[in-house]
């Protein structure tokens, strides 16, 4: 077998996607900076440079207005709010993820379909995490919620939800239902158990919405042919998945608390941060000012647990409008792709993105930037006429 540049780059991307599930494992202990996930990112970036893939400047020109405004405002605001105690101009993790986003969409140009395939490697990593959970390896409990290798419970839960949905998507879309690829569906229950064990409300709700929409999307591709599958899968999920989820006491209690306004402290954090946003609404406080604000309000660094508020604090309404415009642009691309080509997995994943957008972290989360890249590459396809009025997707080089 000849190993060419395309295969090397593809392997590096698959390694990155697989290792995202183990991002909190650090080679130098809790205080080190060289995590497994970061190593995967470095391997991918170095591989990209080694094989001399060129960045697609057309994509940069198209997207640069969003990022120039977003990054520029935050940098300017950080510079204005520099103090002796806080000298942070920008977060390198966020910058690395933006670079990763552009590398991913350039990679897709050279190797069409590679981004969607990378979710298979990601799902394998999620499966390994769930197996370690069943073996009780690296597992700890915080207030009854499962954490593995010290990772955030919501982060684990949302990864399991995405991996489960991808496996279901592979199973549904594969013509040979019992092929080697589609058989990975048998490991979905173990990932669901881990997701439920985290007690993550955003993961649970995201999974339910993604699962329902993926069935509907599959049904509407060929309603007459796939109507029976829609009814069958919906019935099976009702009698098998719903009881197991509703029997989870931890998750049920947290959902009940949500209905009573208990959002795990967010109901106190959000108003506190919003009260200071009003004092610098246009450009925020930058990273340097955010550190000072957080220290002043909470006595330490506390995450806003909401990306809208987070961006308002970093760059005010100017940065927020730029970033939300970018997200809406990608969602529009995803909708257009589904309408014209019936390709929908990227759009389905945006539900998990929006779930974390309003309740957690997405700016520093690699899998979320891969989801954004997956939606953007939908614009690389066009519909070309074929015989007898039928259409086929052609890749735009």
Protein backbone atom coordinates (compact mmCIF):
# COMPACT_ATOMS: atom_id res chain seq x y z
CA UNK A 1 0.00 0.00 0.00
CA UNK A 2 1.35 3.40 -1.02
CA UNK A 3 1.20 5.99 1.76
CA UNK A 4 0.83 9.35 0.06
CA UNK A 5 0.39 12.83 1.49
CA UNK A 6 -3.39 12.58 1.50
CA UNK A 7 -3.30 9.45 3.65
CA UNK A 8 -0.80 11.02 6.06
CA UNK A 9 -2.96 14.12 6.48
CA UNK A 10 -6.06 12.00 6.85
CA UNK A 11 -4.40 9.91 9.55
CA UNK A 12 -3.30 13.02 11.45
CA UNK A 13 -6.87 14.36 11.40
CA UNK A 14 -8.26 11.04 12.62
CA UNK A 15 -5.74 11.02 15.47
CA UNK A 16 -6.82 14.54 16.44
CA UNK A 17 -10.52 13.60 16.34
CA UNK A 18 -9.92 10.44 18.38
CA UNK A 19 -7.84 12.19 21.06
CA UNK A 20 -10.40 14.97 21.61
CA UNK A 21 -12.15 12.54 23.95
CA UNK A 22 -9.07 12.47 26.20
CA UNK A 23 -8.26 16.17 26.20
CA UNK A 24 -7.90 16.38 29.98
CA UNK A 25 -5.21 13.70 30.24
CA UNK A 26 -2.00 15.64 30.87
CA UNK A 27 1.46 14.17 30.36
CA UNK A 28 2.94 16.28 33.17
CA UNK A 29 0.23 16.03 35.79
CA UNK A 30 -2.53 18.44 36.68
CA UNK A 31 -0.26 21.48 36.45
CA UNK A 32 1.18 20.69 33.03
CA UNK A 33 0.22 22.30 29.74
CA UNK A 34 0.80 19.37 27.37
CA UNK A 35 -2.53 17.57 27.25
CA UNK A 36 -3.34 14.64 24.97
CA UNK A 37 -5.81 16.74 23.02
CA UNK A 38 -3.26 19.50 22.49
CA UNK A 39 -0.72 16.94 21.25
CA UNK A 40 -3.29 15.78 18.69
CA UNK A 41 -3.71 19.38 17.53
CA UNK A 42 0.05 19.89 17.21
CA UNK A 43 0.42 16.65 15.23
CA UNK A 44 -2.27 17.76 12.81
CA UNK A 45 -0.92 21.28 12.33
CA UNK A 46 2.66 20.03 11.84
CA UNK A 47 1.47 17.39 9.38
CA UNK A 48 -0.47 20.01 7.45
CA UNK A 49 2.68 22.14 7.17
CA UNK A 50 4.88 19.15 6.32
CA UNK A 51 2.83 18.00 3.34
CA UNK A 52 2.58 21.62 2.16
CA UNK A 53 -1.17 21.87 1.78
CA UNK A 54 -1.97 25.46 0.94
CA UNK A 55 -4.48 27.51 2.89
CA UNK A 56 -7.43 28.40 0.69
CA UNK A 57 -7.33 32.19 0.52
CA UNK A 58 -10.81 32.34 -1.00
CA UNK A 59 -12.18 30.96 2.25
CA UNK A 60 -10.12 33.39 4.32
CA UNK A 61 -11.34 36.33 2.24
CA UNK A 62 -14.93 35.20 2.62
CA UNK A 63 -14.75 34.73 6.37
CA UNK A 64 -12.16 37.33 7.33
CA UNK A 65 -14.65 40.16 8.03
CA UNK A 66 -16.21 38.11 10.85
CA UNK A 67 -12.88 37.23 12.45
CA UNK A 68 -11.15 40.56 11.88
CA UNK A 69 -13.92 42.36 13.76
CA UNK A 70 -14.21 39.67 16.43
CA UNK A 71 -10.48 39.37 17.17
CA UNK A 72 -9.70 43.04 16.58
CA UNK A 73 -12.26 44.33 19.07
CA UNK A 74 -11.17 41.86 21.76
CA UNK A 75 -7.49 42.74 21.26
CA UNK A 76 -8.23 46.48 21.43
CA UNK A 77 -10.38 46.07 24.51
CA UNK A 78 -7.75 43.90 26.21
CA UNK A 79 -5.10 46.53 25.50
CA UNK A 80 -7.30 49.25 27.00
CA UNK A 81 -7.88 47.25 30.18
CA UNK A 82 -4.34 46.04 30.83
CA UNK A 83 -3.26 46.22 34.47
CA UNK A 84 -0.29 44.99 36.45
CA UNK A 85 -2.40 42.10 37.68
CA UNK A 86 -3.80 41.16 34.27
CA UNK A 87 -1.63 41.34 31.15
CA UNK A 88 -3.61 38.96 28.90
CA UNK A 89 -4.30 40.28 25.39
CA UNK A 90 -5.84 37.19 23.82
CA UNK A 91 -6.39 33.52 24.57
CA UNK A 92 -4.00 31.28 22.62
CA UNK A 93 -6.38 28.33 22.86
CA UNK A 94 -9.06 30.30 21.00
CA UNK A 95 -6.55 31.47 18.40
CA UNK A 96 -5.37 27.89 17.85
CA UNK A 97 -8.95 26.76 17.31
CA UNK A 98 -9.53 29.49 14.73
CA UNK A 99 -6.36 28.39 12.91
CA UNK A 100 -7.55 24.78 13.17
CA UNK A 101 -10.88 25.78 11.60
CA UNK A 102 -9.17 27.22 8.52
CA UNK A 103 -6.84 24.23 8.24
CA UNK A 104 -9.81 21.87 8.35
CA UNK A 105 -11.71 23.59 5.57
CA UNK A 106 -8.53 23.73 3.47
CA UNK A 107 -7.97 20.02 4.11
CA UNK A 108 -11.48 19.32 2.84
CA UNK A 109 -10.58 21.01 -0.43
CA UNK A 110 -7.75 18.51 -1.00
CA UNK A 111 -9.56 15.46 0.36
CA UNK A 112 -13.36 15.77 -0.11
CA UNK A 113 -15.39 14.06 2.60
CA UNK A 114 -12.55 13.81 5.11
CA UNK A 115 -14.23 16.00 7.74
CA UNK A 116 -17.37 13.90 7.92
CA UNK A 117 -15.23 10.74 8.09
CA UNK A 118 -13.24 12.22 11.00
CA UNK A 119 -16.36 11.86 13.15
CA UNK A 120 -15.97 8.11 12.84
CA UNK A 121 -12.57 8.37 14.56
CA UNK A 122 -14.10 10.75 17.10
CA UNK A 123 -16.86 8.23 17.81
CA UNK A 124 -14.30 5.46 18.32
CA UNK A 125 -12.63 7.62 20.97
CA UNK A 126 -16.01 8.20 22.62
CA UNK A 127 -16.64 4.46 22.58
CA UNK A 128 -13.31 3.85 24.31
CA UNK A 129 -14.28 6.41 26.97
CA UNK A 130 -17.57 4.62 27.54
CA UNK A 131 -15.82 1.26 27.84
CA UNK A 132 -13.43 2.75 30.42
CA UNK A 133 -16.50 3.99 32.26
CA UNK A 134 -17.98 0.49 32.33
CA UNK A 135 -14.61 -0.81 33.59
CA UNK A 136 -14.54 1.96 36.23
CA UNK A 137 -11.14 3.14 34.98
CA UNK A 138 -10.27 6.82 35.51
CA UNK A 139 -13.74 7.46 36.90
CA UNK A 140 -14.61 9.87 39.70
CA UNK A 141 -17.92 11.20 41.00
CA UNK A 142 -18.72 14.79 41.88
CA UNK A 143 -22.09 15.22 43.57
CA UNK A 144 -23.17 11.95 41.99
CA UNK A 145 -22.12 13.00 38.46
CA UNK A 146 -19.57 10.95 36.52
CA UNK A 147 -16.34 12.54 35.41
CA UNK A 148 -13.57 10.70 33.59
CA UNK A 149 -9.95 11.84 33.89
CA UNK A 150 -11.19 14.99 35.62
CA UNK A 151 -13.02 16.28 32.55
CA UNK A 152 -16.09 18.52 32.75
CA UNK A 153 -19.33 16.54 33.00
CA UNK A 154 -21.13 18.60 30.37
CA UNK A 155 -18.20 18.27 27.97
CA UNK A 156 -18.22 14.48 28.37
CA UNK A 157 -21.99 14.29 28.00
CA UNK A 158 -22.12 16.39 24.83
CA UNK A 159 -19.31 14.34 23.25
CA UNK A 160 -21.23 11.14 23.96
CA UNK A 161 -24.39 12.67 22.48
CA UNK A 162 -22.57 13.68 19.28
CA UNK A 163 -20.91 10.26 18.95
CA UNK A 164 -24.21 8.43 19.50
CA UNK A 165 -25.94 10.53 16.85
CA UNK A 166 -23.12 9.95 14.37
CA UNK A 167 -23.33 6.18 14.90
CA UNK A 168 -27.11 6.30 14.40
CA UNK A 169 -26.57 8.41 11.27
CA UNK A 170 -24.09 5.86 9.87
CA UNK A 171 -26.51 3.03 10.64
CA UNK A 172 -29.49 4.79 9.05
CA UNK A 173 -27.70 6.05 5.96
CA UNK A 174 -25.77 2.84 5.23
CA UNK A 175 -27.46 0.80 2.52
CA UNK A 176 -26.18 -2.43 4.02
CA UNK A 177 -27.66 -2.29 7.48
CA UNK A 178 -25.35 -4.96 8.91
CA UNK A 179 -22.07 -3.91 7.32
CA UNK A 180 -18.86 -3.59 9.35
CA UNK A 181 -19.25 0.22 9.47
CA UNK A 182 -22.87 0.29 10.57
CA UNK A 183 -22.38 -2.42 13.19
CA UNK A 184 -20.83 0.21 15.50
CA UNK A 185 -24.44 0.90 16.53
CA UNK A 186 -24.06 -1.88 19.12
CA UNK A 187 -21.79 0.36 21.22
CA UNK A 188 -24.29 3.23 21.36
CA UNK A 189 -25.87 1.96 24.64
CA UNK A 190 -22.54 2.17 26.50
CA UNK A 191 -22.08 5.79 25.34
CA UNK A 192 -25.65 6.59 26.35
CA UNK A 193 -24.98 5.17 29.82
CA UNK A 194 -21.96 7.43 30.19
CA UNK A 195 -23.93 10.42 28.91
CA UNK A 196 -26.69 9.78 31.44
CA UNK A 197 -24.12 9.19 34.17
CA UNK A 198 -22.76 12.70 33.72
CA UNK A 199 -26.18 14.10 34.58
CA UNK A 200 -25.71 16.67 31.83
CA UNK A 201 -29.01 18.34 31.02
CA UNK A 202 -27.68 20.06 27.91
CA UNK A 203 -26.32 16.73 26.59
CA UNK A 204 -29.61 14.93 27.25
CA UNK A 205 -31.76 17.61 25.61
CA UNK A 206 -29.33 17.95 22.67
CA UNK A 207 -29.34 14.19 22.12
CA UNK A 208 -33.15 14.00 22.14
CA UNK A 209 -33.48 16.89 19.67
CA UNK A 210 -30.72 15.57 17.38
CA UNK A 211 -32.19 12.06 17.43
CA UNK A 212 -35.68 13.26 16.56
CA UNK A 213 -34.42 15.56 13.79
CA UNK A 214 -32.14 12.92 12.30
CA UNK A 215 -35.14 10.59 11.99
CA UNK A 216 -37.21 13.36 10.43
CA UNK A 217 -34.40 14.34 8.05
CA UNK A 218 -33.99 10.73 6.95
CA UNK A 219 -37.75 10.37 6.53
CA UNK A 220 -38.10 13.49 4.37
CA UNK A 221 -35.33 12.42 2.00
CA UNK A 222 -37.68 9.69 0.68
CA UNK A 223 -40.99 9.79 2.63
CA UNK A 224 -42.61 6.91 0.76
CA UNK A 225 -39.60 4.61 0.99
CA UNK A 226 -38.52 5.42 4.53
CA UNK A 227 -41.82 5.98 6.29
CA UNK A 228 -41.75 2.50 7.83
CA UNK A 229 -38.21 3.06 9.17
CA UNK A 230 -39.24 6.31 10.82
CA UNK A 231 -42.15 4.62 12.60
CA UNK A 232 -40.00 1.61 13.56
CA UNK A 233 -37.09 3.63 15.01
CA UNK A 234 -39.39 6.03 16.82
CA UNK A 235 -41.30 3.12 18.37
CA UNK A 236 -38.13 1.28 19.39
CA UNK A 237 -36.66 4.41 20.95
CA UNK A 238 -39.87 5.03 22.87
CA UNK A 239 -39.95 1.55 24.39
CA UNK A 240 -36.18 1.12 24.88
CA UNK A 241 -34.46 4.48 25.23
CA UNK A 242 -37.09 6.56 26.99
CA UNK A 243 -37.56 4.21 30.00
CA UNK A 244 -33.81 3.94 30.60
CA UNK A 245 -33.44 7.71 30.47
CA UNK A 246 -36.42 8.44 32.69
CA UNK A 247 -35.24 5.88 35.24
CA UNK A 248 -32.02 7.84 35.76
CA UNK A 249 -32.66 9.51 39.11
CA UNK A 250 -29.73 11.91 38.86
CA UNK A 251 -30.80 13.33 35.51
CA UNK A 252 -34.48 13.47 36.48
CA UNK A 253 -33.67 15.43 39.63
CA UNK A 254 -31.55 17.89 37.68
CA UNK A 255 -34.28 18.37 35.07
CA UNK A 256 -36.82 19.01 37.83
CA UNK A 257 -34.47 21.56 39.40
CA UNK A 258 -34.18 23.27 36.01
CA UNK A 259 -37.96 23.65 35.85
CA UNK A 260 -37.77 25.38 39.24
CA UNK A 261 -35.09 27.82 38.05
CA UNK A 262 -32.07 25.99 39.49
CA UNK A 263 -29.39 26.12 36.77
CA UNK A 264 -26.40 24.94 38.81
CA UNK A 265 -25.43 28.47 39.78
CA UNK A 266 -25.93 30.00 36.35
CA UNK A 267 -29.00 31.85 37.62
CA UNK A 268 -26.62 33.83 39.86
CA UNK A 269 -23.60 34.05 37.54
CA UNK A 270 -25.47 35.42 34.51
CA UNK A 271 -27.08 38.47 36.23
CA UNK A 272 -23.81 39.29 38.00
CA UNK A 273 -21.87 39.43 34.74
CA UNK A 274 -24.65 41.19 32.82
CA UNK A 275 -24.64 43.97 35.40
CA UNK A 276 -21.05 44.88 34.46
CA UNK A 277 -21.61 44.45 30.71
CA UNK A 278 -23.78 47.58 30.84
CA UNK A 279 -20.74 49.63 31.88
CA UNK A 280 -18.82 48.79 28.68
CA UNK A 281 -21.42 47.54 26.20
CA UNK A 282 -19.69 48.22 22.87
CA UNK A 283 -16.22 46.70 23.28
CA UNK A 284 -16.41 44.88 26.61
CA UNK A 285 -13.34 44.40 28.79
CA UNK A 286 -11.09 42.12 26.78
CA UNK A 287 -9.37 39.15 28.34
CA UNK A 288 -7.38 41.35 30.70
CA UNK A 289 -10.45 43.21 31.92
CA UNK A 290 -12.49 40.01 32.22
CA UNK A 291 -9.96 38.60 34.68
CA UNK A 292 -10.28 41.74 36.79
CA UNK A 293 -14.09 41.74 36.62
CA UNK A 294 -14.31 38.08 37.61
CA UNK A 295 -11.91 38.59 40.51
CA UNK A 296 -13.92 41.59 41.69
CA UNK A 297 -17.33 39.84 41.54
CA UNK A 298 -16.50 36.28 42.56
CA UNK A 299 -13.03 36.50 44.08
CA UNK A 300 -11.60 34.29 41.33
CA UNK A 301 -11.98 33.27 37.70
CA UNK A 302 -15.52 31.98 37.08
CA UNK A 303 -16.78 30.92 33.66
CA UNK A 304 -19.92 32.72 32.47
CA UNK A 305 -21.31 29.35 31.27
CA UNK A 306 -22.88 31.23 28.38
CA UNK A 307 -21.02 32.21 25.22
CA UNK A 308 -23.23 35.24 24.59
CA UNK A 309 -22.28 36.71 27.96
CA UNK A 310 -18.68 35.56 27.54
CA UNK A 311 -18.27 37.40 24.23
CA UNK A 312 -20.04 40.47 25.63
CA UNK A 313 -17.45 40.55 28.40
CA UNK A 314 -14.53 40.06 25.98
CA UNK A 315 -15.60 42.31 23.11
CA UNK A 316 -19.02 43.80 23.79
CA UNK A 317 -21.87 43.98 21.30
CA UNK A 318 -19.55 44.57 18.34
CA UNK A 319 -17.72 41.25 18.81
CA UNK A 320 -20.99 39.46 19.63
CA UNK A 321 -22.70 40.65 16.45
CA UNK A 322 -19.68 39.58 14.38
CA UNK A 323 -19.59 36.10 15.93
CA UNK A 324 -23.34 35.48 15.80
CA UNK A 325 -23.35 36.63 12.15
CA UNK A 326 -20.66 34.01 11.49
CA UNK A 327 -22.73 31.27 13.18
CA UNK A 328 -25.94 32.27 11.37
CA UNK A 329 -24.04 32.24 8.07
CA UNK A 330 -22.93 28.65 8.70
CA UNK A 331 -26.44 27.60 9.74
CA UNK A 332 -27.79 29.13 6.53
CA UNK A 333 -25.23 27.12 4.54
CA UNK A 334 -26.27 23.95 6.37
CA UNK A 335 -29.97 24.58 5.64
CA UNK A 336 -29.24 25.28 1.98
CA UNK A 337 -27.19 22.09 1.77
CA UNK A 338 -30.05 20.03 3.17
CA UNK A 339 -32.62 21.64 0.87
CA UNK A 340 -30.56 21.06 -2.26
CA UNK A 341 -28.69 17.85 -1.47
CA UNK A 342 -30.38 16.23 1.54
CA UNK A 343 -27.04 16.27 3.39
CA UNK A 344 -27.89 17.03 7.01
CA UNK A 345 -25.44 15.66 9.57
CA UNK A 346 -23.54 18.95 9.98
CA UNK A 347 -26.78 20.84 10.53
CA UNK A 348 -27.91 18.24 13.09
CA UNK A 349 -24.65 18.66 15.02
CA UNK A 350 -25.32 22.41 15.26
CA UNK A 351 -27.98 21.59 17.86
CA UNK A 352 -25.26 20.40 20.24
CA UNK A 353 -23.23 23.50 19.34
CA UNK A 354 -26.10 25.80 20.23
CA UNK A 355 -26.74 23.83 23.41
CA UNK A 356 -23.24 24.57 24.67
CA UNK A 357 -23.37 28.08 23.18
CA UNK A 358 -26.09 29.07 25.64
CA UNK A 359 -25.01 26.99 28.63
CA UNK A 360 -21.30 26.23 28.44
CA UNK A 361 -18.13 26.68 26.39
CA UNK A 362 -17.65 26.45 22.62
CA UNK A 363 -14.87 28.97 21.93
CA UNK A 364 -12.18 26.69 23.35
CA UNK A 365 -13.71 23.32 22.41
CA UNK A 366 -12.10 21.61 19.39
CA UNK A 367 -15.02 19.36 18.47
CA UNK A 368 -17.24 22.42 18.18
CA UNK A 369 -14.86 24.04 15.67
CA UNK A 370 -14.84 20.80 13.67
CA UNK A 371 -18.65 20.98 13.60
CA UNK A 372 -18.45 24.57 12.32
CA UNK A 373 -15.98 23.49 9.63
CA UNK A 374 -18.26 20.60 8.65
CA UNK A 375 -21.11 23.03 8.08
CA UNK A 376 -18.98 25.48 6.15
CA UNK A 377 -17.70 22.88 3.69
CA UNK A 378 -21.30 22.36 2.58
CA UNK A 379 -20.72 25.48 0.49
CA UNK A 380 -18.10 23.52 -1.48
CA UNK A 381 -20.80 21.51 -3.21
CA UNK A 382 -23.13 22.41 -6.03
CA UNK A 383 -25.90 20.63 -7.87
CA UNK A 384 -25.08 19.67 -11.44
CA UNK A 385 -27.68 18.37 -13.93
CA UNK A 386 -27.66 14.70 -14.81
CA UNK A 387 -29.68 12.55 -17.17
CA UNK A 388 -33.48 12.68 -17.11
CA UNK A 389 -33.67 15.75 -14.89
CA UNK A 390 -31.89 14.12 -11.95
CA UNK A 391 -29.14 15.90 -10.07
CA UNK A 392 -25.87 14.85 -8.51
CA UNK A 393 -23.56 16.66 -6.06
CA UNK A 394 -20.33 17.84 -7.65
CA UNK A 395 -17.40 19.01 -5.59
CA UNK A 396 -16.14 22.52 -6.27
CA UNK A 397 -12.35 22.51 -6.51
